[in-house]
Amino acid sequence: MLALGKLAVFLFLALTVVYLSVSAYSRSVRREKLEDEWDADPKGDAAARDAFIEAGMRDYDRGLRRRLIWLVYIVPALLILALIYFTNYS
């Protein structure tokens, strides 16, 4: 049982690193797309550009892609639980 606890702790730490990396990358890609969209058709000054980008990032924070990144935690945990179950009880 101690081995399972160690596995859970190290898995959680590893998945946290992966989650933070994927989340930061996804945010930077979205921000870059918003900046490119603004630069293709500028509609005002620097303040308007910043407001446009911040509004787009707020939309991103409430969007589906942001929520799907949580699957980084869920999928591996479910796969390991299924593997343990089928190994021990089948």
N, C-alpha and C. Protein backbone atom coordinates (compact mmCIF):
# COMPACT_ATOMS: atom_id res chain seq x y z
N MET A 1 0.82 -1.20 0.00
CA MET A 1 0.00 0.00 0.00
C MET A 1 0.86 1.26 0.00
N LEU A 2 2.04 1.16 0.62
CA LEU A 2 2.95 2.30 0.65
C LEU A 2 3.44 2.63 -0.76
N ALA A 3 3.65 1.61 -1.57
CA ALA A 3 4.09 1.83 -2.95
C ALA A 3 3.03 2.59 -3.74
N LEU A 4 1.77 2.28 -3.52
CA LEU A 4 0.69 2.99 -4.20
C LEU A 4 0.66 4.46 -3.79
N GLY A 5 0.91 4.72 -2.52
CA GLY A 5 0.95 6.10 -2.04
C GLY A 5 2.09 6.88 -2.67
N LYS A 6 3.27 6.24 -2.76
CA LYS A 6 4.41 6.90 -3.41
C LYS A 6 4.11 7.16 -4.88
N LEU A 7 3.51 6.18 -5.54
CA LEU A 7 3.13 6.36 -6.94
C LEU A 7 2.19 7.54 -7.09
N ALA A 8 1.21 7.63 -6.22
CA ALA A 8 0.23 8.71 -6.31
C ALA A 8 0.90 10.08 -6.12
N VAL A 9 1.80 10.17 -5.16
CA VAL A 9 2.47 11.45 -4.90
C VAL A 9 3.33 11.86 -6.09
N PHE A 10 4.16 10.95 -6.58
CA PHE A 10 5.02 11.29 -7.70
C PHE A 10 4.24 11.52 -8.99
N LEU A 11 3.18 10.79 -9.18
CA LEU A 11 2.32 11.01 -10.34
C LEU A 11 1.68 12.39 -10.27
N PHE A 12 1.20 12.76 -9.10
CA PHE A 12 0.59 14.08 -8.94
C PHE A 12 1.61 15.18 -9.21
N LEU A 13 2.82 15.03 -8.72
CA LEU A 13 3.85 16.04 -8.96
C LEU A 13 4.20 16.13 -10.44
N ALA A 14 4.36 14.99 -11.08
CA ALA A 14 4.69 14.97 -12.50
C ALA A 14 3.55 15.57 -13.34
N LEU A 15 2.32 15.21 -13.00
CA LEU A 15 1.18 15.74 -13.75
C LEU A 15 0.99 17.23 -13.51
N THR A 16 1.37 17.71 -12.34
CA THR A 16 1.30 19.14 -12.06
C THR A 16 2.27 19.90 -12.95
N VAL A 17 3.47 19.38 -13.12
CA VAL A 17 4.44 20.00 -14.01
C VAL A 17 3.91 20.00 -15.45
N VAL A 18 3.36 18.88 -15.88
CA VAL A 18 2.80 18.79 -17.24
C VAL A 18 1.63 19.76 -17.39
N TYR A 19 0.74 19.82 -16.40
CA TYR A 19 -0.41 20.72 -16.46
C TYR A 19 0.03 22.17 -16.57
N LEU A 20 0.97 22.58 -15.73
CA LEU A 20 1.43 23.97 -15.76
C LEU A 20 2.10 24.30 -17.10
N SER A 21 2.85 23.36 -17.64
CA SER A 21 3.51 23.58 -18.93
C SER A 21 2.48 23.71 -20.06
N VAL A 22 1.52 22.80 -20.10
CA VAL A 22 0.50 22.84 -21.15
C VAL A 22 -0.36 24.09 -21.01
N SER A 23 -0.69 24.44 -19.79
CA SER A 23 -1.51 25.62 -19.55
C SER A 23 -0.78 26.89 -19.99
N ALA A 24 0.48 27.03 -19.63
CA ALA A 24 1.25 28.21 -20.02
C ALA A 24 1.40 28.28 -21.54
N TYR A 25 1.68 27.14 -22.16
CA TYR A 25 1.82 27.11 -23.61
C TYR A 25 0.51 27.49 -24.30
N SER A 26 -0.60 26.93 -23.84
CA SER A 26 -1.88 27.21 -24.45
C SER A 26 -2.25 28.69 -24.31
N ARG A 27 -2.00 29.27 -23.15
CA ARG A 27 -2.28 30.69 -22.95
C ARG A 27 -1.42 31.55 -23.87
N SER A 28 -0.15 31.19 -24.01
CA SER A 28 0.73 32.00 -24.85
C SER A 28 0.32 31.91 -26.32
N VAL A 29 -0.11 30.73 -26.76
CA VAL A 29 -0.56 30.58 -28.14
C VAL A 29 -1.82 31.41 -28.37
N ARG A 30 -2.74 31.37 -27.42
CA ARG A 30 -3.98 32.15 -27.57
C ARG A 30 -3.69 33.65 -27.58
N ARG A 31 -2.80 34.08 -26.70
CA ARG A 31 -2.45 35.50 -26.65
C ARG A 31 -1.79 35.93 -27.96
N GLU A 32 -0.92 35.09 -28.49
CA GLU A 32 -0.25 35.39 -29.76
C GLU A 32 -1.27 35.50 -30.90
N LYS A 33 -2.27 34.62 -30.91
CA LYS A 33 -3.30 34.70 -31.94
C LYS A 33 -4.11 35.99 -31.83
N LEU A 34 -4.41 36.40 -30.60
CA LEU A 34 -5.13 37.65 -30.40
C LEU A 34 -4.29 38.84 -30.86
N GLU A 35 -3.00 38.82 -30.56
CA GLU A 35 -2.12 39.90 -31.01
C GLU A 35 -2.03 39.95 -32.52
N ASP A 36 -1.93 38.78 -33.15
CA ASP A 36 -1.88 38.73 -34.61
C ASP A 36 -3.19 39.21 -35.23
N GLU A 37 -4.30 38.86 -34.60
CA GLU A 37 -5.61 39.31 -35.10
C GLU A 37 -5.71 40.83 -35.04
N TRP A 38 -5.23 41.41 -33.95
CA TRP A 38 -5.27 42.86 -33.82
C TRP A 38 -4.32 43.52 -34.83
N ASP A 39 -3.14 42.96 -34.98
CA ASP A 39 -2.16 43.56 -35.88
C ASP A 39 -2.61 43.49 -37.34
N ALA A 40 -3.41 42.50 -37.69
CA ALA A 40 -3.91 42.39 -39.06
C ALA A 40 -4.89 43.50 -39.39
N ASP A 41 -5.65 43.96 -38.39
CA ASP A 41 -6.64 45.01 -38.61
C ASP A 41 -6.70 45.90 -37.37
N PRO A 42 -5.73 46.79 -37.17
CA PRO A 42 -5.73 47.64 -35.98
C PRO A 42 -6.93 48.58 -35.97
N LYS A 43 -7.55 48.70 -34.81
CA LYS A 43 -8.77 49.51 -34.70
C LYS A 43 -8.62 50.68 -33.73
N GLY A 44 -7.41 50.92 -33.25
CA GLY A 44 -7.24 52.01 -32.31
C GLY A 44 -5.82 52.08 -31.79
N ASP A 45 -5.67 52.68 -30.61
CA ASP A 45 -4.35 52.90 -30.03
C ASP A 45 -3.93 51.70 -29.17
N ALA A 46 -2.84 51.88 -28.45
CA ALA A 46 -2.28 50.79 -27.64
C ALA A 46 -3.23 50.38 -26.51
N ALA A 47 -3.96 51.32 -25.96
CA ALA A 47 -4.90 51.00 -24.88
C ALA A 47 -6.04 50.12 -25.41
N ALA A 48 -6.51 50.42 -26.61
CA ALA A 48 -7.57 49.61 -27.21
C ALA A 48 -7.05 48.20 -27.51
N ARG A 49 -5.79 48.11 -27.95
CA ARG A 49 -5.17 46.81 -28.23
C ARG A 49 -5.10 45.97 -26.96
N ASP A 50 -4.63 46.60 -25.87
CA ASP A 50 -4.53 45.89 -24.60
C ASP A 50 -5.89 45.43 -24.10
N ALA A 51 -6.90 46.27 -24.26
CA ALA A 51 -8.25 45.91 -23.83
C ALA A 51 -8.78 44.75 -24.67
N PHE A 52 -8.50 44.77 -25.97
CA PHE A 52 -8.93 43.69 -26.87
C PHE A 52 -8.29 42.36 -26.45
N ILE A 53 -7.00 42.40 -26.18
CA ILE A 53 -6.29 41.19 -25.80
C ILE A 53 -6.76 40.68 -24.44
N GLU A 54 -6.96 41.57 -23.49
CA GLU A 54 -7.43 41.16 -22.16
C GLU A 54 -8.84 40.58 -22.23
N ALA A 55 -9.70 41.16 -23.06
CA ALA A 55 -11.06 40.62 -23.23
C ALA A 55 -11.00 39.22 -23.85
N GLY A 56 -10.12 39.05 -24.82
CA GLY A 56 -9.95 37.73 -25.43
C GLY A 56 -9.41 36.70 -24.46
N MET A 57 -8.50 37.12 -23.58
CA MET A 57 -7.96 36.20 -22.59
C MET A 57 -9.01 35.85 -21.53
N ARG A 58 -9.87 36.80 -21.19
CA ARG A 58 -10.98 36.48 -20.26
C ARG A 58 -11.91 35.45 -20.88
N ASP A 59 -12.18 35.61 -22.18
CA ASP A 59 -13.01 34.62 -22.88
C ASP A 59 -12.33 33.26 -22.89
N TYR A 60 -11.02 33.26 -23.09
CA TYR A 60 -10.26 32.01 -23.09
C TYR A 60 -10.34 31.33 -21.72
N ASP A 61 -10.23 32.11 -20.65
CA ASP A 61 -10.27 31.54 -19.30
C ASP A 61 -11.60 30.86 -18.99
N ARG A 62 -12.67 31.31 -19.64
CA ARG A 62 -13.98 30.69 -19.44
C ARG A 62 -14.32 29.66 -20.50
N GLY A 63 -13.41 29.43 -21.43
CA GLY A 63 -13.69 28.56 -22.57
C GLY A 63 -13.45 27.09 -22.30
N LEU A 64 -13.80 26.31 -23.30
CA LEU A 64 -13.70 24.86 -23.22
C LEU A 64 -12.25 24.39 -23.21
N ARG A 65 -11.39 25.00 -23.99
CA ARG A 65 -10.00 24.56 -24.07
C ARG A 65 -9.33 24.63 -22.70
N ARG A 66 -9.60 25.66 -21.96
CA ARG A 66 -9.01 25.81 -20.62
C ARG A 66 -9.47 24.66 -19.73
N ARG A 67 -10.71 24.28 -19.83
CA ARG A 67 -11.24 23.18 -19.01
C ARG A 67 -10.71 21.83 -19.45
N LEU A 68 -10.48 21.67 -20.74
CA LEU A 68 -9.98 20.39 -21.24
C LEU A 68 -8.57 20.09 -20.78
N ILE A 69 -7.82 21.12 -20.43
CA ILE A 69 -6.46 20.90 -19.95
C ILE A 69 -6.48 20.11 -18.63
N TRP A 70 -7.56 20.18 -17.90
CA TRP A 70 -7.67 19.39 -16.65
C TRP A 70 -7.63 17.89 -16.92
N LEU A 71 -7.87 17.49 -18.15
CA LEU A 71 -7.78 16.07 -18.49
C LEU A 71 -6.37 15.52 -18.30
N VAL A 72 -5.40 16.41 -18.20
CA VAL A 72 -4.02 15.99 -17.91
C VAL A 72 -3.98 15.24 -16.58
N TYR A 73 -4.80 15.64 -15.63
CA TYR A 73 -4.87 14.95 -14.34
C TYR A 73 -5.78 13.72 -14.40
N ILE A 74 -6.89 13.86 -15.07
CA ILE A 74 -7.94 12.85 -14.99
C ILE A 74 -7.61 11.58 -15.78
N VAL A 75 -7.18 11.72 -17.02
CA VAL A 75 -6.96 10.56 -17.88
C VAL A 75 -5.88 9.62 -17.33
N PRO A 76 -4.68 10.10 -16.99
CA PRO A 76 -3.68 9.16 -16.46
C PRO A 76 -4.12 8.49 -15.15
N ALA A 77 -4.79 9.24 -14.29
CA ALA A 77 -5.26 8.66 -13.03
C ALA A 77 -6.27 7.54 -13.29
N LEU A 78 -7.19 7.77 -14.21
CA LEU A 78 -8.18 6.74 -14.53
C LEU A 78 -7.53 5.52 -15.18
N LEU A 79 -6.55 5.77 -16.04
CA LEU A 79 -5.86 4.64 -16.68
C LEU A 79 -5.09 3.80 -15.65
N ILE A 80 -4.44 4.44 -14.71
CA ILE A 80 -3.71 3.69 -13.69
C ILE A 80 -4.67 2.94 -12.78
N LEU A 81 -5.77 3.56 -12.41
CA LEU A 81 -6.77 2.87 -11.59
C LEU A 81 -7.35 1.67 -12.33
N ALA A 82 -7.62 1.83 -13.61
CA ALA A 82 -8.14 0.71 -14.40
C ALA A 82 -7.10 -0.40 -14.51
N LEU A 83 -5.86 -0.05 -14.70
CA LEU A 83 -4.79 -1.03 -14.78
C LEU A 83 -4.64 -1.80 -13.47
N ILE A 84 -4.69 -1.09 -12.36
CA ILE A 84 -4.61 -1.75 -11.05
C ILE A 84 -5.80 -2.66 -10.84
N TYR A 85 -6.98 -2.20 -11.17
CA TYR A 85 -8.19 -3.00 -10.99
C TYR A 85 -8.13 -4.28 -11.83
N PHE A 86 -7.84 -4.12 -13.11
CA PHE A 86 -7.85 -5.30 -13.99
C PHE A 86 -6.69 -6.26 -13.68
N THR A 87 -5.60 -5.74 -13.18
CA THR A 87 -4.50 -6.62 -12.80
C THR A 87 -4.84 -7.43 -11.55
N ASN A 88 -5.50 -6.84 -10.61
CA ASN A 88 -5.76 -7.50 -9.34
C ASN A 88 -7.07 -8.27 -9.28
N TYR A 89 -8.07 -7.86 -10.04
CA TYR A 89 -9.40 -8.44 -9.87
C TYR A 89 -9.95 -9.14 -11.11
N SER A 90 -9.15 -9.30 -12.12
CA SER A 90 -9.64 -10.00 -13.32
C SER A 90 -8.91 -11.30 -13.53
